[in-house]
Structure formats: structure tokens, C-alpha cells
Amino acid sequence: MRHLMSPLDFTTEELDRLFDLANDIEKHPAKYAHACDGKILATCFYEPSTRTRLSFESAMTRLGGRVIGFSDAASSSASKGESVSDTIRIISCYADICAMRHFKEGAPMVAAEKSGIPVINAGDGGHQHPTQTLTDLLTIRTMKGRLSGFTVGLCGDLKFGRTVHSLINALVRYEDIHFIFISPEELRVPDYITDMLRTRGIPFEEVIRLEEVMPRLDLLYMTRVQKERFFNEEDYVRLKDFYILDRNKMKLAKEDMLVLHPLPRVNEISVEVDNDPRAAYFKQAQYGVYVRMALILTLLEIKG
């Protein structure tokens, strides 16, 4: 039995097979419409989510399976004090696979240690969001044809953004990747990530102004400033509009640069950018369904 706690749980070769399967699902959906007949996915979401939870539910439904679960901690026995370990033991009696999001870092790992079914980390605090990273990698590989040889700009909340941390850790395994971190001082990428990049000899820069690096980017990964990660309302208000990607900034970019965003968007990408052919974030959401379908099949060891 296998779990997914981090993008690094899969080798790059295994990721290639996963992405090949996801691309095949996109091209031949009918072929997989009954692959999970009789199977049940439990979505255990202790933290609010729209895209991730519904994407998992869509994935399992498209595979012919069914979904049970809860959408926040208040509607689960966690509100009565039940531990994650006990919850997953019970869920293992009801479902074949579980997707868990939790506000505490490491909670899905605790669940995996006690689980009788595969557990997928659907986001844990500010730590990891591996299925979003798989979505990001699939989007890049499908639209660019490769996962190496890029200058990647990551912009916005790089301190609390678990999608950013997961993506960096995944991309360092590919050749010729150069990172440019674009953020205010208060939201810079954590030291443990920059220390890791220095140790591995992977080039990176830290800048404040987006405009000055736009012409150099092959990929721009925008993030929102996350109100729920702030302890101080004043700090959030001061920083929430620090970066807004608009048409004028897009004029500075390469013709084939891709703009990615894990969503939800607040106002960090102007709606006038949505019709730009380089805006890939809504396609990214669709790829999220395909990669989660492929992941469910892989962890349940179901052949397509």
C-alpha cells in the first residue's frame, strides 16, 4: 500500500508515467469511465477548500467511483475531540482511498501511519500541497513539452504558500532550472528552502519588483496573499495588493511565457489577463482533475 505525502514520494520516472496516464485520460475519457466502479473515495477536509475537494470528487466520479466525507472539521467528530489517528481508522472501514486536508502540518502523515487505505495529502497547513504540485507539473509538461530548462518566477506569498514550497522542491529534480523569488521582505521564501538551493547549487534570486524580471521569465507562478495565514490584520491589509499582474506587465513578458496560479484568485491577477493566451490557470484547474484521476488509479493499482 502506498500513500502520497509529498511530490518527492514519486521518482521522476514514476511522475512521467503518471503524467502519461493523465494525458491519456484527457484524450480518452470514456476508456476510464468505469475504472473505479465499486470504489469509494473519502474526502476528509478539516480546512475549507473548493477547488481541491471538488477536483477530487470530480476525479473519482469520472472514474465511476463514489465519494463520502466531510468539508470542514466542524462537521466531523474532530469537533468532539476525535484524533486524526482514530478518524482514519474508522474511514478505512468505509472507503478504499482517502484525500485529507488539514490545517496542522504533518497531520496527513499521522493518518497514513495508522491507515488501512492509501492516504493522499490534499494540503497540510503551510507545508505541502502535493496534488497541486502534480497539477502544476502536468500543466507545464503538457503546454511546454518538458520540465527542464526554465527560468521560473514565483510571486507573492512565498513564506506561507505551501503550493510554492512544494513546487520548488519538485522542480529542483529537473535540469537547468533557475528560480526568481518575487516578494516583499515580509513574505520571502523560508530559509530552509534557500539553504537547500544553495546546498544543491541551484541558482536563485530574490527581488521585490515584478516588472524588472518579467522579460526573463519562462514561467510565472502567481500566488495570493493568504489572509488565513496572518496573525495580524494590519499586515495582511498592507501586503494584500503588493502585486497585481495586469495587461501592462504582461507586455513585458515573453510571447510564450505561461502564467500559473493555484487559485483561488483574489485580485493579484487582473481579469483583463484572462483572455491572454499565456494565461494557463484555468487550464491548470482542468489538468488538476486529470492528474488526480491518474493518481487514484495508481494508488489503487488499477490498470487503465
Protein backbone atom coordinates (compact mmCIF):
# COMPACT_ATOMS: atom_id res chain seq x y z
CA MET A 1 0.00 0.00 0.00
CA ARG A 2 1.30 3.41 -0.96
CA HIS A 3 0.47 6.97 0.14
CA LEU A 4 1.21 10.41 -1.30
CA MET A 5 2.50 12.87 1.30
CA SER A 6 4.94 14.84 -0.87
CA PRO A 7 5.69 15.19 -4.59
CA LEU A 8 9.06 13.62 -3.75
CA ASP A 9 7.31 10.35 -2.91
CA PHE A 10 7.37 9.64 -6.66
CA THR A 11 10.57 9.40 -8.68
CA THR A 12 10.79 11.49 -11.83
CA GLU A 13 10.31 8.30 -13.85
CA GLU A 14 7.14 7.49 -11.88
CA LEU A 15 5.93 11.04 -12.42
CA ASP A 16 6.44 10.63 -16.17
CA ARG A 17 4.24 7.53 -16.11
CA LEU A 18 1.63 9.34 -14.00
CA PHE A 19 1.57 12.29 -16.41
CA ASP A 20 1.40 9.98 -19.44
CA LEU A 21 -1.64 8.35 -17.83
CA ALA A 22 -3.21 11.77 -17.12
CA ASN A 23 -2.68 12.82 -20.74
CA ASP A 24 -4.27 9.58 -21.92
CA ILE A 25 -7.25 10.19 -19.62
CA GLU A 26 -7.66 13.64 -21.16
CA LYS A 27 -7.63 12.19 -24.69
CA HIS A 28 -9.74 9.07 -23.98
CA PRO A 29 -12.07 9.78 -21.04
CA ALA A 30 -14.55 7.04 -21.99
CA LYS A 31 -11.82 4.43 -21.60
CA TYR A 32 -11.63 5.22 -17.86
CA ALA A 33 -15.31 5.92 -17.13
CA HIS A 34 -15.80 2.69 -15.15
CA ALA A 35 -12.25 2.07 -13.90
CA CYS A 36 -13.28 2.67 -10.27
CA ASP A 37 -16.72 1.06 -10.28
CA GLY A 38 -17.44 -0.09 -6.72
CA LYS A 39 -14.63 2.01 -5.20
CA ILE A 40 -15.15 4.77 -2.63
CA LEU A 41 -13.05 7.90 -2.04
CA ALA A 42 -13.28 9.61 1.37
CA THR A 43 -12.57 13.35 1.32
CA CYS A 44 -11.62 14.37 4.87
CA PHE A 45 -11.22 18.14 4.78
CA TYR A 46 -10.50 19.74 8.14
CA GLU A 47 -9.90 23.07 6.38
CA PRO A 48 -12.15 24.84 3.83
CA SER A 49 -11.49 24.12 0.17
CA THR A 50 -13.41 24.48 -3.05
CA ARG A 51 -11.10 23.55 -5.92
CA THR A 52 -9.13 20.73 -4.32
CA ARG A 53 -12.11 18.98 -2.73
CA LEU A 54 -14.35 19.28 -5.78
CA SER A 55 -11.48 18.29 -8.05
CA PHE A 56 -11.02 15.05 -6.10
CA GLU A 57 -14.76 14.42 -6.14
CA SER A 58 -14.91 15.10 -9.88
CA ALA A 59 -11.94 12.79 -10.47
CA MET A 60 -13.48 9.87 -8.60
CA THR A 61 -16.91 10.41 -10.15
CA ARG A 62 -15.41 10.48 -13.66
CA LEU A 63 -13.74 7.15 -12.87
CA GLY A 64 -17.10 5.63 -11.93
CA GLY A 65 -16.49 5.60 -8.17
CA ARG A 66 -18.33 7.23 -5.30
CA VAL A 67 -17.39 9.84 -2.71
CA ILE A 68 -18.08 10.22 1.00
CA GLY A 69 -16.59 12.62 3.54
CA PHE A 70 -16.79 16.00 5.23
CA SER A 71 -15.88 19.53 4.14
CA ASP A 72 -14.75 21.06 7.43
CA ALA A 73 -13.70 19.98 10.90
CA ALA A 74 -16.91 21.25 12.49
CA SER A 75 -18.95 18.68 10.58
CA SER A 76 -16.73 15.78 11.69
CA SER A 77 -16.11 14.07 15.02
CA ALA A 78 -13.00 16.24 15.33
CA SER A 79 -15.39 18.78 16.84
CA LYS A 80 -15.92 16.24 19.65
CA GLY A 81 -12.20 15.78 20.14
CA GLU A 82 -11.59 12.68 17.99
CA SER A 83 -7.97 12.33 16.88
CA VAL A 84 -6.83 12.10 13.27
CA SER A 85 -5.50 8.61 14.01
CA ASP A 86 -8.90 7.38 15.18
CA THR A 87 -10.72 9.10 12.34
CA ILE A 88 -8.60 7.43 9.66
CA ARG A 89 -9.00 4.02 11.29
CA ILE A 90 -12.77 4.45 11.00
CA ILE A 91 -12.58 5.86 7.47
CA SER A 92 -10.52 2.82 6.48
CA CYS A 93 -13.57 0.70 7.25
CA TYR A 94 -15.77 2.77 4.93
CA ALA A 95 -13.63 3.74 1.92
CA ASP A 96 -10.89 2.44 -0.39
CA ILE A 97 -8.80 5.62 -0.54
CA CYS A 98 -8.71 8.93 1.36
CA ALA A 99 -7.82 12.51 0.43
CA MET A 100 -7.09 14.57 3.57
CA ARG A 101 -6.61 18.29 4.03
CA HIS A 102 -5.66 19.56 7.46
CA PHE A 103 -4.66 22.87 9.00
CA LYS A 104 -1.86 21.20 11.00
CA GLU A 105 1.39 20.38 9.26
CA GLY A 106 2.06 16.64 9.29
CA ALA A 107 -1.50 15.54 10.09
CA PRO A 108 -1.93 13.53 6.85
CA MET A 109 1.36 11.74 7.65
CA VAL A 110 0.00 10.78 11.08
CA ALA A 111 -3.11 9.47 9.34
CA ALA A 112 -1.07 7.47 6.81
CA GLU A 113 0.81 5.71 9.62
CA LYS A 114 -2.45 4.39 11.07
CA SER A 115 -4.47 3.96 7.88
CA GLY A 116 -5.62 0.75 6.27
CA ILE A 117 -6.10 2.50 2.91
CA PRO A 118 -3.97 4.84 0.74
CA VAL A 119 -3.94 8.42 2.02
CA ILE A 120 -3.36 11.45 -0.20
CA ASN A 121 -2.16 14.67 1.38
CA ALA A 122 -4.53 17.32 -0.01
CA GLY A 123 -2.71 20.13 1.83
CA ASP A 124 -1.35 20.41 5.38
CA GLY A 125 -1.01 23.87 6.87
CA GLY A 126 1.68 25.93 5.18
CA HIS A 127 3.74 22.81 4.50
CA GLN A 128 2.88 20.73 1.42
CA HIS A 129 0.23 20.53 -1.28
CA PRO A 130 1.48 17.64 -3.42
CA THR A 131 -1.52 17.17 -5.72
CA GLN A 132 -1.42 20.86 -6.61
CA THR A 133 2.25 20.38 -7.46
CA LEU A 134 1.42 17.38 -9.64
CA THR A 135 -1.17 19.60 -11.34
CA ASP A 136 1.43 22.33 -11.87
CA LEU A 137 3.98 19.90 -13.30
CA LEU A 138 1.43 18.27 -15.62
CA THR A 139 0.33 21.71 -16.86
CA ILE A 140 3.91 22.76 -17.58
CA ARG A 141 4.87 19.47 -19.23
CA THR A 142 1.74 19.37 -21.39
CA MET A 143 1.88 23.01 -22.51
CA LYS A 144 5.67 23.35 -22.78
CA GLY A 145 6.61 19.78 -23.67
CA ARG A 146 9.26 19.47 -20.95
CA LEU A 147 10.07 20.06 -17.28
CA SER A 148 13.63 21.32 -17.62
CA GLY A 149 15.41 24.40 -18.92
CA PHE A 150 13.24 27.14 -17.37
CA THR A 151 13.58 30.43 -15.56
CA VAL A 152 10.74 30.27 -13.06
CA GLY A 153 9.36 33.32 -11.30
CA LEU A 154 7.35 32.73 -8.12
CA CYS A 155 5.50 35.82 -6.98
CA GLY A 156 3.53 36.89 -3.91
CA ASP A 157 3.26 35.00 -0.65
CA LEU A 158 6.36 32.82 -0.71
CA LYS A 159 6.53 32.47 3.08
CA PHE A 160 3.21 30.77 3.80
CA GLY A 161 2.41 29.42 0.33
CA ARG A 162 2.52 25.62 0.56
CA THR A 163 1.98 25.36 -3.22
CA VAL A 164 5.17 27.36 -3.76
CA HIS A 165 7.19 25.24 -1.33
CA SER A 166 6.00 22.00 -2.94
CA LEU A 167 6.68 23.23 -6.48
CA ILE A 168 10.22 24.35 -5.67
CA ASN A 169 11.04 21.00 -4.08
CA ALA A 170 9.67 19.20 -7.13
CA LEU A 171 11.39 21.32 -9.79
CA VAL A 172 14.87 21.02 -8.27
CA ARG A 173 14.98 17.45 -9.56
CA TYR A 174 14.96 18.67 -13.17
CA GLU A 175 17.90 20.12 -15.11
CA ASP A 176 18.69 23.77 -15.77
CA ILE A 177 16.08 25.38 -13.50
CA HIS A 178 16.66 28.97 -12.36
CA PHE A 179 14.38 30.44 -9.69
CA ILE A 180 13.48 34.09 -9.22
CA PHE A 181 11.59 34.76 -5.98
CA ILE A 182 9.48 37.91 -6.16
CA SER A 183 8.04 39.06 -2.84
CA PRO A 184 8.07 41.77 -0.19
CA GLU A 185 10.57 41.29 2.61
CA GLU A 186 7.86 40.05 4.98
CA LEU A 187 6.78 37.22 2.66
CA ARG A 188 10.14 35.91 1.43
CA VAL A 189 10.66 32.21 0.85
CA PRO A 190 11.72 30.40 4.08
CA ASP A 191 15.41 29.94 4.85
CA TYR A 192 15.18 26.15 4.75
CA ILE A 193 14.34 26.38 1.05
CA THR A 194 17.08 28.84 0.13
CA ASP A 195 19.55 26.81 2.20
CA MET A 196 18.54 23.69 0.26
CA LEU A 197 19.02 25.50 -3.07
CA ARG A 198 22.48 26.73 -2.05
CA THR A 199 23.49 23.25 -0.91
CA ARG A 200 22.39 21.77 -4.25
CA GLY A 201 24.00 24.55 -6.28
CA ILE A 202 20.71 25.63 -7.86
CA PRO A 203 20.69 29.30 -8.89
CA PHE A 204 18.09 31.66 -7.45
CA GLU A 205 17.49 35.37 -6.99
CA GLU A 206 15.30 37.30 -4.58
CA VAL A 207 13.77 40.54 -5.85
CA ILE A 208 10.94 42.85 -4.87
CA ARG A 209 9.80 44.32 -8.21
CA LEU A 210 8.00 42.03 -10.65
CA GLU A 211 8.48 44.38 -13.60
CA GLU A 212 12.27 44.13 -13.58
CA VAL A 213 12.32 40.35 -14.12
CA MET A 214 9.25 39.82 -16.33
CA PRO A 215 11.24 39.78 -19.64
CA ARG A 216 13.40 36.88 -18.38
CA LEU A 217 10.68 34.50 -17.22
CA ASP A 218 9.55 31.32 -18.95
CA LEU A 219 7.01 30.60 -16.21
CA LEU A 220 5.33 32.97 -13.75
CA TYR A 221 3.66 31.36 -10.75
CA MET A 222 1.39 33.90 -9.06
CA THR A 223 0.00 33.39 -5.56
CA ARG A 224 -2.46 35.28 -3.40
CA VAL A 225 -1.57 36.79 -0.05
CA GLN A 226 -3.39 34.38 2.26
CA LYS A 227 -5.43 36.17 4.91
CA GLU A 228 -5.90 32.93 6.86
CA ARG A 229 -2.12 32.61 7.43
CA PHE A 230 -1.76 36.04 9.05
CA PHE A 231 -1.94 36.70 12.76
CA ASN A 232 -2.07 40.47 12.25
CA GLU A 233 -4.92 42.01 10.21
CA GLU A 234 -2.90 45.18 9.59
CA ASP A 235 -0.05 43.24 7.98
CA TYR A 236 -2.50 41.46 5.67
CA VAL A 237 -4.18 44.70 4.56
CA ARG A 238 -0.79 46.31 3.92
CA LEU A 239 0.50 43.43 1.78
CA LYS A 240 -2.57 42.02 0.02
CA ASP A 241 -2.29 44.34 -3.01
CA PHE A 242 1.51 44.35 -3.23
CA TYR A 243 1.47 42.58 -6.62
CA ILE A 244 -1.20 42.83 -9.28
CA LEU A 245 -0.48 41.26 -12.67
CA ASP A 246 -2.16 43.33 -15.39
CA ARG A 247 -2.03 43.87 -19.14
CA ASN A 248 0.84 46.37 -18.93
CA LYS A 249 3.06 43.96 -17.02
CA MET A 250 2.19 41.18 -19.49
CA LYS A 251 3.52 43.37 -22.31
CA LEU A 252 6.97 42.97 -20.75
CA ALA A 253 6.86 39.16 -20.88
CA LYS A 254 7.98 36.65 -23.49
CA GLU A 255 5.40 35.64 -26.08
CA ASP A 256 5.45 32.04 -24.84
CA MET A 257 5.63 32.65 -21.09
CA LEU A 258 2.98 30.80 -19.08
CA VAL A 259 1.13 32.33 -16.14
CA LEU A 260 0.13 29.76 -13.50
CA HIS A 261 -1.86 30.23 -10.29
CA PRO A 262 -3.07 27.56 -7.82
CA LEU A 263 -6.28 29.58 -7.27
CA PRO A 264 -8.41 30.97 -5.73
CA ARG A 265 -7.52 34.36 -7.14
CA VAL A 266 -8.43 37.50 -5.22
CA ASN A 267 -7.10 40.47 -7.18
CA GLU A 268 -3.45 39.58 -7.81
CA ILE A 269 -4.24 38.78 -11.46
CA SER A 270 -6.43 41.33 -13.21
CA VAL A 271 -9.36 39.80 -15.14
CA GLU A 272 -8.02 41.58 -18.24
CA VAL A 273 -5.23 38.95 -18.29
CA ASP A 274 -7.69 36.04 -18.52
CA ASN A 275 -8.00 36.24 -22.32
CA ASP A 276 -4.24 36.37 -22.87
CA PRO A 277 -3.16 33.06 -24.49
CA ARG A 278 -0.35 32.87 -21.93
CA ALA A 279 -2.82 32.70 -19.03
CA ALA A 280 -2.85 28.99 -18.14
CA TYR A 281 -4.52 28.98 -14.71
CA PHE A 282 -7.98 27.81 -15.79
CA LYS A 283 -6.45 25.05 -17.95
CA GLN A 284 -4.37 24.24 -14.87
CA ALA A 285 -7.58 23.62 -12.89
CA GLN A 286 -8.76 21.16 -15.56
CA TYR A 287 -5.43 19.35 -15.52
CA GLY A 288 -5.91 19.01 -11.77
CA VAL A 289 -8.83 16.65 -12.40
CA TYR A 290 -6.85 14.51 -14.86
CA VAL A 291 -3.81 14.18 -12.60
CA ARG A 292 -5.96 13.27 -9.60
CA MET A 293 -7.73 10.64 -11.70
CA ALA A 294 -4.33 9.22 -12.64
CA LEU A 295 -3.18 9.33 -9.01
CA ILE A 296 -6.27 7.50 -7.72
CA LEU A 297 -5.77 4.77 -10.32
CA THR A 298 -2.08 4.50 -9.49
CA LEU A 299 -2.51 4.28 -5.71
CA LEU A 300 -5.37 1.77 -6.07
CA GLU A 301 -3.20 -0.19 -8.53
CA ILE A 302 -5.95 -0.18 -11.16
CA LYS A 303 -4.83 -0.57 -14.76
CA GLY A 304 -6.37 1.81 -17.26
